[in-house]
N, C-alpha and C. Protein backbone atom coordinates (compact mmCIF):
# COMPACT_ATOMS: atom_id res chain seq x y z
N MET A 1 53.53 18.52 -14.93
CA MET A 1 52.13 18.28 -14.67
C MET A 1 51.44 18.04 -16.01
N LYS A 2 50.56 17.05 -16.03
CA LYS A 2 49.85 16.75 -17.27
C LYS A 2 48.35 16.96 -17.07
N PRO A 3 47.60 17.10 -18.17
CA PRO A 3 46.16 17.32 -18.06
C PRO A 3 45.44 16.13 -17.43
N LEU A 4 44.29 16.43 -16.83
CA LEU A 4 43.43 15.37 -16.33
C LEU A 4 42.79 14.63 -17.50
N SER A 5 42.49 13.37 -17.30
CA SER A 5 41.68 12.66 -18.28
C SER A 5 40.23 13.10 -18.09
N PHE A 6 39.36 12.79 -19.04
CA PHE A 6 37.96 13.14 -18.88
C PHE A 6 37.37 12.43 -17.66
N ASP A 7 37.77 11.20 -17.41
CA ASP A 7 37.33 10.46 -16.21
C ASP A 7 37.71 11.24 -14.95
N GLU A 8 38.94 11.69 -14.88
CA GLU A 8 39.41 12.45 -13.72
C GLU A 8 38.65 13.77 -13.59
N PHE A 9 38.36 14.40 -14.73
CA PHE A 9 37.58 15.64 -14.73
C PHE A 9 36.19 15.39 -14.15
N LEU A 10 35.55 14.31 -14.54
CA LEU A 10 34.23 13.97 -14.01
C LEU A 10 34.29 13.76 -12.50
N LEU A 11 35.30 13.06 -12.03
CA LEU A 11 35.45 12.83 -10.59
C LEU A 11 35.65 14.15 -9.85
N ALA A 12 36.51 15.01 -10.38
CA ALA A 12 36.80 16.29 -9.74
C ALA A 12 35.57 17.19 -9.73
N SER A 13 34.71 17.03 -10.73
CA SER A 13 33.51 17.84 -10.85
C SER A 13 32.33 17.30 -10.05
N GLY A 14 32.52 16.14 -9.44
CA GLY A 14 31.45 15.56 -8.63
C GLY A 14 30.47 14.69 -9.41
N TYR A 15 30.88 14.22 -10.57
CA TYR A 15 30.02 13.39 -11.41
C TYR A 15 30.51 11.95 -11.46
N GLU A 16 30.75 11.36 -10.29
CA GLU A 16 31.25 9.99 -10.23
C GLU A 16 30.24 8.99 -10.80
N GLN A 17 28.95 9.19 -10.53
CA GLN A 17 27.94 8.26 -11.04
C GLN A 17 27.88 8.31 -12.56
N LEU A 18 28.00 9.50 -13.14
CA LEU A 18 28.01 9.61 -14.59
C LEU A 18 29.24 8.92 -15.16
N ARG A 19 30.39 9.11 -14.52
CA ARG A 19 31.61 8.46 -14.97
C ARG A 19 31.45 6.95 -14.94
N GLU A 20 30.88 6.42 -13.87
CA GLU A 20 30.66 4.98 -13.76
C GLU A 20 29.71 4.49 -14.84
N HIS A 21 28.64 5.24 -15.07
CA HIS A 21 27.67 4.85 -16.10
C HIS A 21 28.34 4.83 -17.48
N LEU A 22 29.08 5.87 -17.80
CA LEU A 22 29.74 5.94 -19.11
C LEU A 22 30.76 4.81 -19.29
N SER A 23 31.43 4.44 -18.22
CA SER A 23 32.45 3.38 -18.33
C SER A 23 31.84 2.01 -18.60
N LYS A 24 30.55 1.85 -18.30
CA LYS A 24 29.88 0.56 -18.51
C LYS A 24 29.18 0.46 -19.86
N LEU A 25 29.10 1.57 -20.59
CA LEU A 25 28.40 1.56 -21.87
C LEU A 25 29.16 0.75 -22.92
N THR A 26 28.41 0.12 -23.80
CA THR A 26 28.99 -0.56 -24.95
C THR A 26 28.43 0.07 -26.22
N LEU A 27 28.98 -0.26 -27.36
CA LEU A 27 28.52 0.31 -28.62
C LEU A 27 27.09 -0.09 -28.95
N SER A 28 26.62 -1.21 -28.41
CA SER A 28 25.27 -1.66 -28.70
C SER A 28 24.21 -1.03 -27.79
N ASP A 29 24.64 -0.29 -26.76
CA ASP A 29 23.69 0.35 -25.85
C ASP A 29 23.02 1.54 -26.51
N GLU A 30 21.73 1.69 -26.25
CA GLU A 30 20.97 2.83 -26.76
C GLU A 30 21.28 4.04 -25.89
N PRO A 31 21.74 5.15 -26.50
CA PRO A 31 22.06 6.33 -25.69
C PRO A 31 20.79 6.95 -25.11
N GLN A 32 20.87 7.40 -23.87
CA GLN A 32 19.76 8.08 -23.21
C GLN A 32 19.98 9.58 -23.37
N PRO A 33 18.99 10.28 -23.93
CA PRO A 33 19.17 11.71 -24.24
C PRO A 33 19.62 12.56 -23.05
N ALA A 34 19.07 12.34 -21.88
CA ALA A 34 19.45 13.17 -20.72
C ALA A 34 20.92 12.96 -20.36
N ILE A 35 21.37 11.72 -20.41
CA ILE A 35 22.76 11.42 -20.07
C ILE A 35 23.68 11.95 -21.15
N THR A 36 23.28 11.77 -22.40
CA THR A 36 24.09 12.26 -23.51
C THR A 36 24.25 13.78 -23.44
N THR A 37 23.16 14.47 -23.16
CA THR A 37 23.20 15.94 -23.07
C THR A 37 24.15 16.39 -21.97
N LYS A 38 24.05 15.78 -20.79
CA LYS A 38 24.92 16.17 -19.67
C LYS A 38 26.38 15.83 -19.97
N ALA A 39 26.63 14.66 -20.55
CA ALA A 39 27.99 14.26 -20.88
C ALA A 39 28.60 15.22 -21.91
N GLU A 40 27.81 15.63 -22.90
CA GLU A 40 28.31 16.58 -23.90
C GLU A 40 28.61 17.94 -23.28
N GLU A 41 27.75 18.39 -22.36
CA GLU A 41 27.97 19.65 -21.66
C GLU A 41 29.29 19.61 -20.87
N LEU A 42 29.50 18.51 -20.16
CA LEU A 42 30.72 18.38 -19.37
C LEU A 42 31.95 18.21 -20.26
N LEU A 43 31.80 17.56 -21.38
CA LEU A 43 32.92 17.41 -22.30
C LEU A 43 33.35 18.77 -22.85
N ARG A 44 32.37 19.63 -23.14
CA ARG A 44 32.70 21.00 -23.59
C ARG A 44 33.48 21.74 -22.50
N GLU A 45 33.03 21.61 -21.25
CA GLU A 45 33.73 22.26 -20.14
C GLU A 45 35.16 21.72 -20.02
N TYR A 46 35.31 20.41 -20.20
CA TYR A 46 36.63 19.78 -20.15
C TYR A 46 37.53 20.35 -21.24
N PHE A 47 36.99 20.46 -22.45
CA PHE A 47 37.78 21.00 -23.56
C PHE A 47 38.15 22.47 -23.31
N ILE A 48 37.22 23.24 -22.78
CA ILE A 48 37.47 24.67 -22.53
C ILE A 48 38.58 24.85 -21.50
N THR A 49 38.56 24.05 -20.44
CA THR A 49 39.59 24.18 -19.40
C THR A 49 40.90 23.53 -19.81
N GLY A 50 40.89 22.74 -20.84
CA GLY A 50 42.09 22.06 -21.29
C GLY A 50 42.50 20.91 -20.37
N GLY A 51 41.68 20.65 -19.36
CA GLY A 51 41.97 19.55 -18.44
C GLY A 51 43.13 19.81 -17.49
N MET A 52 43.65 21.02 -17.49
CA MET A 52 44.77 21.32 -16.60
C MET A 52 44.27 21.40 -15.16
N PRO A 53 44.91 20.67 -14.24
CA PRO A 53 44.39 20.55 -12.87
C PRO A 53 44.10 21.87 -12.17
N SER A 54 45.00 22.83 -12.22
CA SER A 54 44.77 24.09 -11.50
C SER A 54 43.63 24.88 -12.13
N ILE A 55 43.53 24.85 -13.44
CA ILE A 55 42.45 25.56 -14.13
C ILE A 55 41.11 24.88 -13.85
N VAL A 56 41.09 23.55 -13.87
CA VAL A 56 39.87 22.80 -13.56
C VAL A 56 39.42 23.11 -12.14
N ALA A 57 40.34 23.09 -11.19
CA ALA A 57 39.99 23.38 -9.79
C ALA A 57 39.40 24.78 -9.67
N ASN A 58 40.02 25.75 -10.30
CA ASN A 58 39.53 27.12 -10.25
C ASN A 58 38.16 27.22 -10.93
N TYR A 59 38.00 26.56 -12.06
CA TYR A 59 36.74 26.58 -12.79
C TYR A 59 35.61 25.97 -11.94
N ILE A 60 35.88 24.85 -11.29
CA ILE A 60 34.87 24.18 -10.47
C ILE A 60 34.43 25.09 -9.33
N VAL A 61 35.38 25.72 -8.66
CA VAL A 61 35.06 26.60 -7.54
C VAL A 61 34.23 27.79 -8.02
N ASN A 62 34.64 28.41 -9.11
CA ASN A 62 33.95 29.60 -9.60
C ASN A 62 32.63 29.28 -10.29
N ALA A 63 32.54 28.19 -11.02
CA ALA A 63 31.30 27.80 -11.67
C ALA A 63 30.26 27.44 -10.63
N THR A 64 30.66 26.79 -9.56
CA THR A 64 29.75 26.42 -8.49
C THR A 64 29.26 27.67 -7.76
N ALA A 65 30.14 28.64 -7.58
CA ALA A 65 29.76 29.88 -6.89
C ALA A 65 28.72 30.66 -7.70
N ILE A 66 28.81 30.60 -9.01
CA ILE A 66 27.88 31.31 -9.89
C ILE A 66 26.50 30.65 -9.84
N LEU A 67 26.48 29.32 -9.79
CA LEU A 67 25.20 28.61 -9.76
C LEU A 67 24.60 28.76 -8.40
């Protein structure tokens, strides 16, 4: 088993629209602070979980229960 990609992590976390938005960005696009902040928050979560599928699944279930 290998780690999820960040794209896969976004899909598993329910952030498909953010994933689609990020995939369309180019280097010349002006970053939007709200999107950048959310993407950075999710990237930290991705790094913390290591992207491992079972850990990500457990994290999503438990993080959602806390919120």
